[in-house]
N, C-alpha and C. Protein backbone atom coordinates (compact mmCIF):
# COMPACT_ATOMS: atom_id res chain seq x y z
N MET A 1 111.32 65.43 27.24
CA MET A 1 110.34 64.36 27.20
C MET A 1 110.46 63.69 25.83
N GLY A 2 110.52 62.39 25.85
CA GLY A 2 110.67 61.64 24.61
C GLY A 2 109.37 61.60 23.82
N MET A 3 109.52 61.28 22.55
CA MET A 3 108.36 61.23 21.67
C MET A 3 107.37 60.17 22.12
N MET A 4 107.85 59.02 22.58
CA MET A 4 106.96 57.96 23.04
C MET A 4 106.15 58.41 24.25
N GLN A 5 106.80 59.15 25.17
CA GLN A 5 106.09 59.66 26.35
C GLN A 5 105.00 60.65 25.93
N GLU A 6 105.32 61.54 24.99
CA GLU A 6 104.33 62.50 24.51
C GLU A 6 103.16 61.78 23.84
N PHE A 7 103.48 60.77 23.02
CA PHE A 7 102.43 60.01 22.35
C PHE A 7 101.55 59.29 23.37
N ARG A 8 102.17 58.73 24.38
CA ARG A 8 101.42 58.02 25.43
C ARG A 8 100.46 58.98 26.13
N GLU A 9 100.93 60.17 26.48
CA GLU A 9 100.06 61.16 27.13
C GLU A 9 98.92 61.57 26.21
N PHE A 10 99.22 61.73 24.93
CA PHE A 10 98.19 62.10 23.96
C PHE A 10 97.14 61.01 23.82
N ALA A 11 97.60 59.76 23.70
CA ALA A 11 96.69 58.64 23.47
C ALA A 11 95.83 58.33 24.68
N ILE A 12 96.32 58.65 25.86
CA ILE A 12 95.57 58.32 27.08
C ILE A 12 94.56 59.41 27.43
N LYS A 13 94.68 60.58 26.85
CA LYS A 13 93.72 61.65 27.14
C LYS A 13 92.31 61.15 26.90
N GLY A 14 91.38 61.65 27.70
CA GLY A 14 89.99 61.21 27.61
C GLY A 14 89.36 61.46 26.24
N ASN A 15 89.68 62.56 25.61
CA ASN A 15 89.06 62.89 24.33
C ASN A 15 89.44 61.88 23.25
N VAL A 16 90.66 61.40 23.26
CA VAL A 16 91.10 60.45 22.25
C VAL A 16 90.37 59.12 22.44
N ILE A 17 90.24 58.70 23.67
CA ILE A 17 89.53 57.45 23.96
C ILE A 17 88.07 57.60 23.56
N ASP A 18 87.45 58.72 23.90
CA ASP A 18 86.05 58.96 23.52
C ASP A 18 85.89 58.95 22.01
N LEU A 19 86.84 59.54 21.30
CA LEU A 19 86.79 59.57 19.84
C LEU A 19 86.89 58.15 19.28
N ALA A 20 87.77 57.34 19.83
CA ALA A 20 87.92 55.97 19.35
C ALA A 20 86.63 55.18 19.56
N VAL A 21 86.03 55.33 20.72
CA VAL A 21 84.77 54.64 20.99
C VAL A 21 83.69 55.14 20.03
N GLY A 22 83.66 56.44 19.79
CA GLY A 22 82.68 57.00 18.87
C GLY A 22 82.84 56.48 17.45
N VAL A 23 84.07 56.33 17.00
CA VAL A 23 84.31 55.82 15.65
C VAL A 23 83.85 54.37 15.53
N ILE A 24 84.15 53.58 16.54
CA ILE A 24 83.76 52.16 16.52
C ILE A 24 82.24 52.04 16.53
N ILE A 25 81.59 52.75 17.42
CA ILE A 25 80.13 52.70 17.49
C ILE A 25 79.52 53.28 16.22
N GLY A 26 80.12 54.34 15.70
CA GLY A 26 79.63 54.94 14.46
C GLY A 26 79.69 53.98 13.29
N GLY A 27 80.75 53.18 13.21
CA GLY A 27 80.85 52.18 12.14
C GLY A 27 79.74 51.15 12.23
N ALA A 28 79.49 50.67 13.44
CA ALA A 28 78.41 49.70 13.63
C ALA A 28 77.06 50.35 13.38
N PHE A 29 76.90 51.57 13.83
CA PHE A 29 75.64 52.28 13.65
C PHE A 29 75.39 52.56 12.18
N GLY A 30 76.45 52.82 11.43
CA GLY A 30 76.32 53.04 9.98
C GLY A 30 75.74 51.83 9.28
N LYS A 31 76.13 50.64 9.72
CA LYS A 31 75.58 49.42 9.11
C LYS A 31 74.08 49.30 9.40
N ILE A 32 73.69 49.68 10.60
CA ILE A 32 72.27 49.64 10.95
C ILE A 32 71.49 50.62 10.09
N VAL A 33 72.02 51.81 9.93
CA VAL A 33 71.32 52.81 9.12
C VAL A 33 71.28 52.38 7.66
N ASP A 34 72.37 51.77 7.15
CA ASP A 34 72.35 51.26 5.78
C ASP A 34 71.22 50.24 5.60
N SER A 35 71.08 49.37 6.57
CA SER A 35 70.01 48.37 6.48
C SER A 35 68.64 49.03 6.53
N VAL A 36 68.48 50.01 7.41
CA VAL A 36 67.19 50.71 7.50
C VAL A 36 66.86 51.38 6.18
N VAL A 37 67.85 52.04 5.60
CA VAL A 37 67.61 52.75 4.34
C VAL A 37 67.35 51.77 3.21
N ASN A 38 68.24 50.78 3.05
CA ASN A 38 68.12 49.85 1.91
C ASN A 38 66.94 48.90 2.03
N ASP A 39 66.65 48.46 3.25
CA ASP A 39 65.63 47.42 3.41
C ASP A 39 64.25 47.96 3.79
N LEU A 40 64.19 49.16 4.37
CA LEU A 40 62.91 49.69 4.83
C LEU A 40 62.46 50.94 4.09
N ILE A 41 63.35 51.91 3.97
CA ILE A 41 62.95 53.20 3.42
C ILE A 41 62.95 53.21 1.90
N MET A 42 64.03 52.72 1.28
CA MET A 42 64.12 52.79 -0.18
C MET A 42 63.01 51.99 -0.88
N PRO A 43 62.60 50.82 -0.38
CA PRO A 43 61.47 50.16 -1.03
C PRO A 43 60.19 51.00 -0.99
N VAL A 44 59.96 51.71 0.10
CA VAL A 44 58.77 52.57 0.19
C VAL A 44 58.91 53.74 -0.79
N VAL A 45 60.09 54.35 -0.84
CA VAL A 45 60.32 55.45 -1.79
C VAL A 45 60.16 54.94 -3.22
N GLY A 46 60.68 53.75 -3.50
CA GLY A 46 60.52 53.16 -4.83
C GLY A 46 59.06 52.91 -5.16
N LEU A 47 58.29 52.48 -4.16
CA LEU A 47 56.86 52.24 -4.37
C LEU A 47 56.13 53.55 -4.68
N VAL A 48 56.47 54.61 -3.97
CA VAL A 48 55.85 55.91 -4.20
C VAL A 48 56.17 56.43 -5.60
N PHE A 49 57.39 56.21 -6.04
CA PHE A 49 57.81 56.71 -7.35
C PHE A 49 57.64 55.67 -8.46
N GLY A 50 56.77 54.70 -8.28
CA GLY A 50 56.48 53.74 -9.35
C GLY A 50 57.40 52.55 -9.36
N LYS A 51 57.63 51.94 -8.22
CA LYS A 51 58.45 50.73 -8.09
C LYS A 51 59.86 50.95 -8.64
N LEU A 52 60.40 52.09 -8.34
CA LEU A 52 61.75 52.43 -8.76
C LEU A 52 62.75 51.88 -7.75
N ASP A 53 63.81 51.28 -8.23
CA ASP A 53 64.91 50.84 -7.38
C ASP A 53 66.10 51.72 -7.72
N PHE A 54 66.44 52.63 -6.84
CA PHE A 54 67.50 53.59 -7.13
C PHE A 54 68.84 52.92 -7.39
N SER A 55 69.10 51.80 -6.76
CA SER A 55 70.41 51.18 -6.92
C SER A 55 70.62 50.67 -8.34
N ASN A 56 69.57 50.49 -9.11
CA ASN A 56 69.72 50.02 -10.49
C ASN A 56 69.57 51.14 -11.52
N LEU A 57 69.68 52.38 -11.08
CA LEU A 57 69.65 53.50 -12.02
C LEU A 57 71.09 53.78 -12.47
N PHE A 58 71.33 53.70 -13.76
CA PHE A 58 72.67 53.93 -14.29
C PHE A 58 72.59 54.27 -15.77
N VAL A 59 73.69 54.83 -16.27
CA VAL A 59 73.84 55.13 -17.69
C VAL A 59 75.09 54.40 -18.15
N VAL A 60 74.94 53.62 -19.21
CA VAL A 60 76.07 52.86 -19.75
C VAL A 60 76.95 53.81 -20.56
N LEU A 61 78.25 53.80 -20.30
CA LEU A 61 79.19 54.69 -20.99
C LEU A 61 80.01 53.97 -22.05
N GLY A 62 79.76 52.71 -22.26
CA GLY A 62 80.49 51.94 -23.28
C GLY A 62 79.51 51.07 -24.05
N THR A 63 80.06 50.22 -24.88
CA THR A 63 79.20 49.30 -25.65
C THR A 63 79.02 48.01 -24.87
N ILE A 64 77.81 47.50 -24.91
CA ILE A 64 77.48 46.28 -24.18
C ILE A 64 77.67 45.09 -25.12
N PRO A 65 78.48 44.11 -24.73
CA PRO A 65 78.65 42.91 -25.56
C PRO A 65 77.34 42.12 -25.65
N GLU A 66 77.20 41.37 -26.73
CA GLU A 66 76.01 40.54 -26.93
C GLU A 66 75.85 39.55 -25.77
N GLY A 67 74.62 39.39 -25.32
CA GLY A 67 74.32 38.41 -24.29
C GLY A 67 74.57 38.86 -22.87
N THR A 68 75.02 40.09 -22.69
CA THR A 68 75.26 40.60 -21.34
C THR A 68 73.96 41.22 -20.82
N PRO A 69 73.49 40.80 -19.65
CA PRO A 69 72.26 41.39 -19.11
C PRO A 69 72.47 42.86 -18.78
N ARG A 70 71.40 43.66 -18.87
CA ARG A 70 71.50 45.10 -18.60
C ARG A 70 71.23 45.39 -17.12
N THR A 71 72.02 44.76 -16.27
CA THR A 71 71.96 45.07 -14.84
C THR A 71 73.29 45.67 -14.43
N LEU A 72 73.26 46.46 -13.39
CA LEU A 72 74.47 47.14 -12.94
C LEU A 72 75.55 46.14 -12.54
N ALA A 73 75.17 45.12 -11.81
CA ALA A 73 76.15 44.13 -11.36
C ALA A 73 76.78 43.40 -12.55
N ALA A 74 75.97 43.01 -13.52
CA ALA A 74 76.50 42.29 -14.68
C ALA A 74 77.43 43.18 -15.49
N LEU A 75 77.05 44.44 -15.69
CA LEU A 75 77.89 45.35 -16.48
C LEU A 75 79.20 45.63 -15.77
N LYS A 76 79.16 45.79 -14.46
CA LYS A 76 80.41 46.01 -13.72
C LYS A 76 81.29 44.77 -13.76
N THR A 77 80.69 43.59 -13.71
CA THR A 77 81.46 42.34 -13.76
C THR A 77 82.20 42.23 -15.09
N VAL A 78 81.53 42.61 -16.18
CA VAL A 78 82.14 42.54 -17.51
C VAL A 78 83.19 43.63 -17.67
N GLY A 79 83.10 44.70 -16.88
CA GLY A 79 84.08 45.77 -16.94
C GLY A 79 83.66 46.94 -17.82
N ILE A 80 82.37 47.06 -18.07
CA ILE A 80 81.87 48.16 -18.89
C ILE A 80 81.69 49.37 -17.98
N PRO A 81 82.18 50.55 -18.39
CA PRO A 81 82.01 51.73 -17.54
C PRO A 81 80.54 52.15 -17.49
N VAL A 82 80.09 52.41 -16.27
CA VAL A 82 78.71 52.86 -16.07
C VAL A 82 78.71 54.06 -15.14
N PHE A 83 77.78 54.95 -15.39
CA PHE A 83 77.56 56.12 -14.55
C PHE A 83 76.40 55.75 -13.62
N ALA A 84 76.73 55.28 -12.40
CA ALA A 84 75.74 54.71 -11.49
C ALA A 84 75.20 55.79 -10.56
N TYR A 85 74.36 56.66 -11.07
CA TYR A 85 73.81 57.74 -10.26
C TYR A 85 72.80 57.24 -9.24
N GLY A 86 72.24 56.07 -9.44
CA GLY A 86 71.32 55.50 -8.46
C GLY A 86 72.02 55.17 -7.15
N ASN A 87 73.25 54.68 -7.24
CA ASN A 87 74.02 54.42 -6.03
C ASN A 87 74.28 55.72 -5.28
N PHE A 88 74.55 56.78 -6.03
CA PHE A 88 74.78 58.08 -5.38
C PHE A 88 73.52 58.54 -4.65
N ILE A 89 72.38 58.38 -5.28
CA ILE A 89 71.11 58.76 -4.63
C ILE A 89 70.92 57.96 -3.35
N THR A 90 71.20 56.69 -3.40
CA THR A 90 71.07 55.84 -2.21
C THR A 90 72.02 56.29 -1.10
N VAL A 91 73.26 56.56 -1.46
CA VAL A 91 74.24 57.01 -0.45
C VAL A 91 73.84 58.37 0.11
N ALA A 92 73.33 59.27 -0.74
CA ALA A 92 72.90 60.59 -0.26
C ALA A 92 71.72 60.46 0.71
N VAL A 93 70.79 59.58 0.40
CA VAL A 93 69.66 59.35 1.31
C VAL A 93 70.17 58.74 2.62
N ASN A 94 71.09 57.79 2.50
CA ASN A 94 71.69 57.20 3.71
C ASN A 94 72.31 58.28 4.58
N PHE A 95 73.07 59.17 3.96
CA PHE A 95 73.73 60.24 4.71
C PHE A 95 72.71 61.14 5.39
N ALA A 96 71.68 61.54 4.67
CA ALA A 96 70.67 62.43 5.25
C ALA A 96 69.98 61.77 6.44
N ILE A 97 69.65 60.51 6.30
CA ILE A 97 68.99 59.81 7.40
C ILE A 97 69.95 59.65 8.58
N LEU A 98 71.18 59.27 8.31
CA LEU A 98 72.17 59.11 9.38
C LEU A 98 72.41 60.43 10.10
N ALA A 99 72.55 61.52 9.34
CA ALA A 99 72.76 62.82 9.96
C ALA A 99 71.57 63.22 10.82
N PHE A 100 70.36 62.95 10.36
CA PHE A 100 69.16 63.29 11.12
C PHE A 100 69.09 62.46 12.41
N ILE A 101 69.40 61.17 12.32
CA ILE A 101 69.35 60.32 13.51
C ILE A 101 70.41 60.74 14.51
N ILE A 102 71.60 61.06 14.04
CA ILE A 102 72.65 61.52 14.95
C ILE A 102 72.26 62.84 15.59
N PHE A 103 71.65 63.73 14.81
CA PHE A 103 71.16 65.00 15.36
C PHE A 103 70.18 64.75 16.50
N LEU A 104 69.23 63.83 16.28
CA LEU A 104 68.26 63.53 17.34
C LEU A 104 68.94 62.93 18.57
N MET A 105 69.93 62.06 18.34
CA MET A 105 70.64 61.47 19.48
C MET A 105 71.40 62.52 20.27
N ILE A 106 72.12 63.40 19.58
CA ILE A 106 72.89 64.44 20.26
C ILE A 106 71.95 65.38 21.01
N LYS A 107 70.82 65.69 20.39
CA LYS A 107 69.85 66.57 21.04
C LYS A 107 69.36 65.95 22.35
N GLN A 108 69.06 64.65 22.34
CA GLN A 108 68.60 63.98 23.55
C GLN A 108 69.71 63.88 24.59
N ILE A 109 70.92 63.59 24.15
CA ILE A 109 72.05 63.51 25.09
C ILE A 109 72.29 64.86 25.74
N ASN A 110 72.25 65.93 24.96
CA ASN A 110 72.43 67.27 25.52
C ASN A 110 71.32 67.62 26.50
N ARG A 111 70.10 67.18 26.20
CA ARG A 111 68.98 67.44 27.10
C ARG A 111 69.20 66.72 28.43
N LEU A 112 69.72 65.50 28.37
CA LEU A 112 69.99 64.75 29.60
C LEU A 112 71.19 65.28 30.37
N LYS A 113 72.14 65.87 29.65
CA LYS A 113 73.36 66.37 30.27
C LYS A 113 73.20 67.73 30.92
N ARG A 114 72.12 68.41 30.67
CA ARG A 114 71.96 69.76 31.23
C ARG A 114 72.18 69.71 32.73
N GLU A 115 73.01 70.58 33.16
CA GLU A 115 73.35 70.60 34.58
C GLU A 115 72.26 71.32 35.36
N ALA A 116 72.07 70.86 36.58
CA ALA A 116 71.13 71.55 37.47
C ALA A 116 71.74 72.90 37.82
N PRO A 117 70.89 73.89 38.04
CA PRO A 117 71.46 75.20 38.39
C PRO A 117 72.32 75.09 39.65
N THR A 118 73.46 75.72 39.58
CA THR A 118 74.38 75.64 40.71
C THR A 118 73.93 76.58 41.81
N ALA A 119 74.10 76.13 43.03
CA ALA A 119 73.74 76.96 44.18
C ALA A 119 74.76 78.09 44.31
N PRO A 120 74.31 79.23 44.80
CA PRO A 120 75.29 80.32 44.97
C PRO A 120 76.34 79.90 45.99
N PRO A 121 77.55 80.36 45.80
CA PRO A 121 78.61 79.96 46.72
C PRO A 121 78.31 80.44 48.14
N ALA A 122 78.68 79.62 49.09
CA ALA A 122 78.46 79.98 50.50
C ALA A 122 79.31 81.20 50.83
N PRO A 123 78.79 82.06 51.69
CA PRO A 123 79.59 83.24 52.04
C PRO A 123 80.88 82.80 52.72
N GLU A 124 81.90 83.55 52.42
CA GLU A 124 83.21 83.21 52.95
C GLU A 124 83.24 83.45 54.45
N VAL A 125 83.81 82.50 55.16
CA VAL A 125 83.91 82.61 56.62
C VAL A 125 85.04 83.56 56.95
N THR A 126 84.72 84.56 57.76
CA THR A 126 85.72 85.55 58.15
C THR A 126 86.63 84.96 59.22
N PRO A 127 87.95 85.08 59.04
CA PRO A 127 88.87 84.53 60.04
C PRO A 127 88.67 85.19 61.41
N GLU A 128 88.99 84.44 62.45
CA GLU A 128 88.78 84.93 63.82
C GLU A 128 89.63 86.16 64.12
N GLU A 129 90.83 86.24 63.56
CA GLU A 129 91.69 87.39 63.82
C GLU A 129 91.04 88.67 63.32
N VAL A 130 90.40 88.58 62.15
CA VAL A 130 89.74 89.75 61.58
C VAL A 130 88.57 90.17 62.46
N LEU A 131 87.83 89.20 62.94
CA LEU A 131 86.71 89.52 63.84
C LEU A 131 87.20 90.22 65.10
N LEU A 132 88.28 89.72 65.67
CA LEU A 132 88.84 90.35 66.88
C LEU A 132 89.33 91.76 66.57
N LEU A 133 89.98 91.94 65.42
CA LEU A 133 90.45 93.28 65.06
C LEU A 133 89.28 94.23 64.85
N ARG A 134 88.18 93.76 64.31
CA ARG A 134 87.00 94.61 64.13
C ARG A 134 86.42 95.01 65.48
N GLU A 135 86.40 94.06 66.43
CA GLU A 135 85.89 94.39 67.77
C GLU A 135 86.75 95.46 68.41
N ILE A 136 88.06 95.30 68.28
CA ILE A 136 88.99 96.29 68.86
C ILE A 136 88.76 97.64 68.22
N ARG A 137 88.63 97.66 66.90
CA ARG A 137 88.39 98.93 66.18
C ARG A 137 87.11 99.59 66.66
N ASP A 138 86.03 98.78 66.78
CA ASP A 138 84.75 99.34 67.20
C ASP A 138 84.83 99.88 68.64
N GLN A 139 85.59 99.21 69.52
CA GLN A 139 85.71 99.68 70.88
C GLN A 139 86.53 100.96 70.93
N LEU A 140 87.55 101.08 70.08
CA LEU A 140 88.37 102.28 70.04
C LEU A 140 87.57 103.49 69.52
N ARG A 141 86.63 103.23 68.62
CA ARG A 141 85.83 104.33 68.09
C ARG A 141 84.88 104.88 69.14
N ARG A 142 84.50 104.09 70.11
CA ARG A 142 83.57 104.55 71.16
C ARG A 142 84.27 105.39 72.10
């Protein structure tokens, strides 16, 4: 079997197609979760912690030139190294929320997928020859 034939069989398997669909949907779903975290959750968390915006938490690792604003975007534009731990906090919160939402989705899907209890298999039908042989045996015993 040629390599192309093997690849074709591999690529057509159901699991590979399911994985591809999952990756595509996951990418789109990730954008939704990013928006939920950045636009809905992080402002509330910032409000609770004193109007903190995690994305602007950083430590400057170089010298700032005169007239450069002390914002993360401006410092990165100028090329000054910054330790942006606020971005890490935001990404970690994004991950935790995404993992929790996926957990809930998988839990619901598994609940819906539960199979109904299977009925016990029907008793096997005895062939007619065996039935006739049993009758003969029973008559011979009498």
